[in-house]
Amino acid sequence: MCIFCKIVDGELPSNKVEENEHFLAFHDLYPKAPVHILIIPKAHFECFQEVDGATMAGLTEFTQAVATKMGLDKSGYRLITNNGDDGAQEISHLHFHLLGGGKLKWDHLHDDTHKSL
């Protein structure tokens, strides 16, 4: 069972922000911005390539509600998902990073991007 499934099942603690029957949002343990929330479906999808449209529709509404609750809906935010090894996905459970709370830089690309592309 993956770490996010253990959080959903209550086996591991999390600092919850919002939860409903299908989705969970909680604070990232290693924040990269003043506000850094992880948003996951409770059902296990390994990555974005596996998720169905109906789940994504619900996840969109849930994410918008979380952004509003965190006060990011007016100021702006970044929503990121990493997909697969080359996309730097570290946990094999679909999740989105909601980042905000200040001006965000875009320096997340690897230093030798131009060499590898």
C-alpha atoms as a PDB file:
ATOM      1  CA  MET A   1       0.000   0.000   0.000  1.00  0.00           C
ATOM      2  CA  CYS A   2       1.419   3.432  -0.942  1.00  0.00           C
ATOM      3  CA  ILE A   3       2.000   6.228   1.567  1.00  0.00           C
ATOM      4  CA  PHE A   4      -0.973   8.263   0.316  1.00  0.00           C
ATOM      5  CA  CYS A   5      -3.303   5.268   0.600  1.00  0.00           C
ATOM      6  CA  LYS A   6      -2.100   4.869   4.192  1.00  0.00           C
ATOM      7  CA  ILE A   7      -2.964   8.528   4.835  1.00  0.00           C
ATOM      8  CA  VAL A   8      -6.420   8.026   3.299  1.00  0.00           C
ATOM      9  CA  ASP A   9      -6.959   4.923   5.471  1.00  0.00           C
ATOM     10  CA  GLY A  10      -5.880   6.803   8.613  1.00  0.00           C
ATOM     11  CA  GLU A  11      -2.796   4.623   9.156  1.00  0.00           C
ATOM     12  CA  LEU A  12      -0.546   7.692   8.838  1.00  0.00           C
ATOM     13  CA  PRO A  13      -1.308  11.207  10.082  1.00  0.00           C
ATOM     14  CA  SER A  14      -1.656  14.283   7.900  1.00  0.00           C
ATOM     15  CA  ASN A  15      -2.388  17.938   8.449  1.00  0.00           C
ATOM     16  CA  LYS A  16      -5.716  17.975   6.598  1.00  0.00           C
ATOM     17  CA  VAL A  17      -7.022  21.070   4.867  1.00  0.00           C
ATOM     18  CA  GLU A  18     -10.156  19.665   3.248  1.00  0.00           C
ATOM     19  CA  GLU A  19     -11.740  16.265   2.731  1.00  0.00           C
ATOM     20  CA  ASN A  20     -14.812  14.763   1.158  1.00  0.00           C
ATOM     21  CA  GLU A  21     -15.906  11.292   0.123  1.00  0.00           C
ATOM     22  CA  HIS A  22     -13.589  11.169  -2.904  1.00  0.00           C
ATOM     23  CA  PHE A  23     -10.683  13.558  -2.302  1.00  0.00           C
ATOM     24  CA  LEU A  24      -8.249  14.706   0.359  1.00  0.00           C
ATOM     25  CA  ALA A  25      -6.078  17.809   0.662  1.00  0.00           C
ATOM     26  CA  PHE A  26      -3.307  18.152   3.227  1.00  0.00           C
ATOM     27  CA  HIS A  27      -0.183  20.207   3.881  1.00  0.00           C
ATOM     28  CA  ASP A  28       3.055  18.975   2.281  1.00  0.00           C
ATOM     29  CA  LEU A  29       5.680  17.962   4.840  1.00  0.00           C
ATOM     30  CA  TYR A  30       8.410  19.702   2.800  1.00  0.00           C
ATOM     31  CA  PRO A  31       6.798  22.896   1.477  1.00  0.00           C
ATOM     32  CA  LYS A  32       8.245  24.648  -1.568  1.00  0.00           C
ATOM     33  CA  ALA A  33       6.088  27.763  -1.112  1.00  0.00           C
ATOM     34  CA  PRO A  34       4.374  29.594   1.763  1.00  0.00           C
ATOM     35  CA  VAL A  35       1.278  27.506   0.958  1.00  0.00           C
ATOM     36  CA  HIS A  36       1.960  23.977  -0.320  1.00  0.00           C
ATOM     37  CA  ILE A  37      -0.999  21.606  -0.299  1.00  0.00           C
ATOM     38  CA  LEU A  38      -1.128  18.075  -1.720  1.00  0.00           C
ATOM     39  CA  ILE A  39      -4.442  17.128  -3.315  1.00  0.00           C
ATOM     40  CA  ILE A  40      -5.202  13.472  -3.994  1.00  0.00           C
ATOM     41  CA  PRO A  41      -8.074  11.256  -5.030  1.00  0.00           C
ATOM     42  CA  LYS A  42      -8.841   8.729  -2.306  1.00  0.00           C
ATOM     43  CA  ALA A  43      -9.019   6.004  -4.940  1.00  0.00           C
ATOM     44  CA  HIS A  44      -5.572   4.831  -6.001  1.00  0.00           C
ATOM     45  CA  PHE A  45      -4.513   5.931  -9.461  1.00  0.00           C
ATOM     46  CA  GLU A  46      -0.822   5.360 -10.087  1.00  0.00           C
ATOM     47  CA  CYS A  47      -0.445   8.483 -12.223  1.00  0.00           C
ATOM     48  CA  PHE A  48      -2.258  11.038 -14.378  1.00  0.00           C
ATOM     49  CA  GLN A  49      -2.292   8.655 -17.364  1.00  0.00           C
ATOM     50  CA  GLU A  50      -4.571   6.272 -15.423  1.00  0.00           C
ATOM     51  CA  VAL A  51      -7.206   8.677 -14.123  1.00  0.00           C
ATOM     52  CA  ASP A  52     -10.653   8.906 -15.738  1.00  0.00           C
ATOM     53  CA  GLY A  53     -12.455  12.081 -16.779  1.00  0.00           C
ATOM     54  CA  ALA A  54     -15.178  11.816 -14.133  1.00  0.00           C
ATOM     55  CA  THR A  55     -12.594  11.707 -11.349  1.00  0.00           C
ATOM     56  CA  MET A  56     -10.752  14.683 -12.850  1.00  0.00           C
ATOM     57  CA  ALA A  57     -14.001  16.668 -13.044  1.00  0.00           C
ATOM     58  CA  GLY A  58     -14.560  16.115  -9.328  1.00  0.00           C
ATOM     59  CA  LEU A  59     -10.921  16.822  -8.570  1.00  0.00           C
ATOM     60  CA  THR A  60     -11.161  20.135 -10.422  1.00  0.00           C
ATOM     61  CA  GLU A  61     -14.072  21.331  -8.281  1.00  0.00           C
ATOM     62  CA  PHE A  62     -12.374  20.087  -5.104  1.00  0.00           C
ATOM     63  CA  THR A  63      -9.097  21.826  -5.994  1.00  0.00           C
ATOM     64  CA  GLN A  64     -10.872  25.106  -6.719  1.00  0.00           C
ATOM     65  CA  ALA A  65     -12.595  24.889  -3.328  1.00  0.00           C
ATOM     66  CA  VAL A  66      -9.265  24.242  -1.584  1.00  0.00           C
ATOM     67  CA  ALA A  67      -7.659  27.199  -3.381  1.00  0.00           C
ATOM     68  CA  THR A  68     -10.524  29.414  -2.230  1.00  0.00           C
ATOM     69  CA  LYS A  69     -10.331  28.119   1.344  1.00  0.00           C
ATOM     70  CA  MET A  70      -6.585  28.870   1.424  1.00  0.00           C
ATOM     71  CA  GLY A  71      -7.182  32.397   0.065  1.00  0.00           C
ATOM     72  CA  LEU A  72      -5.379  31.737  -3.214  1.00  0.00           C
ATOM     73  CA  ASP A  73      -8.313  32.070  -5.600  1.00  0.00           C
ATOM     74  CA  LYS A  74      -7.829  35.824  -6.115  1.00  0.00           C
ATOM     75  CA  SER A  75      -4.035  36.170  -5.815  1.00  0.00           C
ATOM     76  CA  GLY A  76      -3.157  33.122  -7.906  1.00  0.00           C
ATOM     77  CA  TYR A  77      -1.436  29.796  -7.474  1.00  0.00           C
ATOM     78  CA  ARG A  78       0.419  27.052  -9.298  1.00  0.00           C
ATOM     79  CA  LEU A  79      -1.004  23.563  -9.733  1.00  0.00           C
ATOM     80  CA  ILE A  80       1.528  20.840 -10.603  1.00  0.00           C
ATOM     81  CA  THR A  81       1.415  17.114 -11.147  1.00  0.00           C
ATOM     82  CA  ASN A  82       4.444  15.020 -11.966  1.00  0.00           C
ATOM     83  CA  ASN A  83       3.859  11.978 -14.147  1.00  0.00           C
ATOM     84  CA  GLY A  84       6.216   8.999 -14.301  1.00  0.00           C
ATOM     85  CA  ASP A  85       9.963   8.750 -13.809  1.00  0.00           C
ATOM     86  CA  ASP A  86      10.966  11.392 -16.357  1.00  0.00           C
ATOM     87  CA  GLY A  87       8.328  13.724 -14.913  1.00  0.00           C
ATOM     88  CA  ALA A  88       9.922  13.357 -11.452  1.00  0.00           C
ATOM     89  CA  GLN A  89       6.947  11.602  -9.860  1.00  0.00           C
ATOM     90  CA  GLU A  90       8.214  10.412  -6.474  1.00  0.00           C
ATOM     91  CA  ILE A  91       5.053   8.798  -5.066  1.00  0.00           C
ATOM     92  CA  SER A  92       3.077   6.465  -7.319  1.00  0.00           C
ATOM     93  CA  HIS A  93      -0.349   7.829  -6.398  1.00  0.00           C
ATOM     94  CA  LEU A  94      -1.841  10.633  -8.470  1.00  0.00           C
ATOM     95  CA  HIS A  95      -1.390  13.895  -6.621  1.00  0.00           C
ATOM     96  CA  PHE A  96      -1.349  17.591  -7.329  1.00  0.00           C
ATOM     97  CA  HIS A  97       0.765  20.229  -5.637  1.00  0.00           C
ATOM     98  CA  LEU A  98      -1.124  23.463  -4.953  1.00  0.00           C
ATOM     99  CA  LEU A  99       1.496  26.184  -4.414  1.00  0.00           C
ATOM    100  CA  GLY A 100       0.874  29.812  -3.531  1.00  0.00           C
ATOM    101  CA  GLY A 101       1.049  32.473  -0.892  1.00  0.00           C
ATOM    102  CA  GLY A 102       3.484  34.739  -2.763  1.00  0.00           C
ATOM    103  CA  LYS A 103       5.166  35.369  -6.110  1.00  0.00           C
ATOM    104  CA  LEU A 104       6.410  32.025  -7.370  1.00  0.00           C
ATOM    105  CA  LYS A 105       9.578  31.613  -9.428  1.00  0.00           C
ATOM    106  CA  TRP A 106       9.928  29.041 -12.172  1.00  0.00           C
ATOM    107  CA  ASP A 107      13.307  27.478 -11.511  1.00  0.00           C
ATOM    108  CA  HIS A 108      12.236  23.858 -11.174  1.00  0.00           C
ATOM    109  CA  LEU A 109      13.793  22.634 -14.392  1.00  0.00           C
ATOM    110  CA  HIS A 110      17.036  20.716 -14.205  1.00  0.00           C
ATOM    111  CA  ASP A 111      20.233  22.736 -14.792  1.00  0.00           C
ATOM    112  CA  ASP A 112      21.231  20.817 -17.887  1.00  0.00           C
ATOM    113  CA  THR A 113      17.793  20.985 -19.515  1.00  0.00           C
ATOM    114  CA  HIS A 114      19.124  22.201 -22.839  1.00  0.00           C
ATOM    115  CA  LYS A 115      21.766  19.449 -22.964  1.00  0.00           C
ATOM    116  CA  SER A 116      19.289  16.663 -22.266  1.00  0.00           C
ATOM    117  CA  LEU A 117      16.596  17.933 -24.620  1.00  0.00           C
END
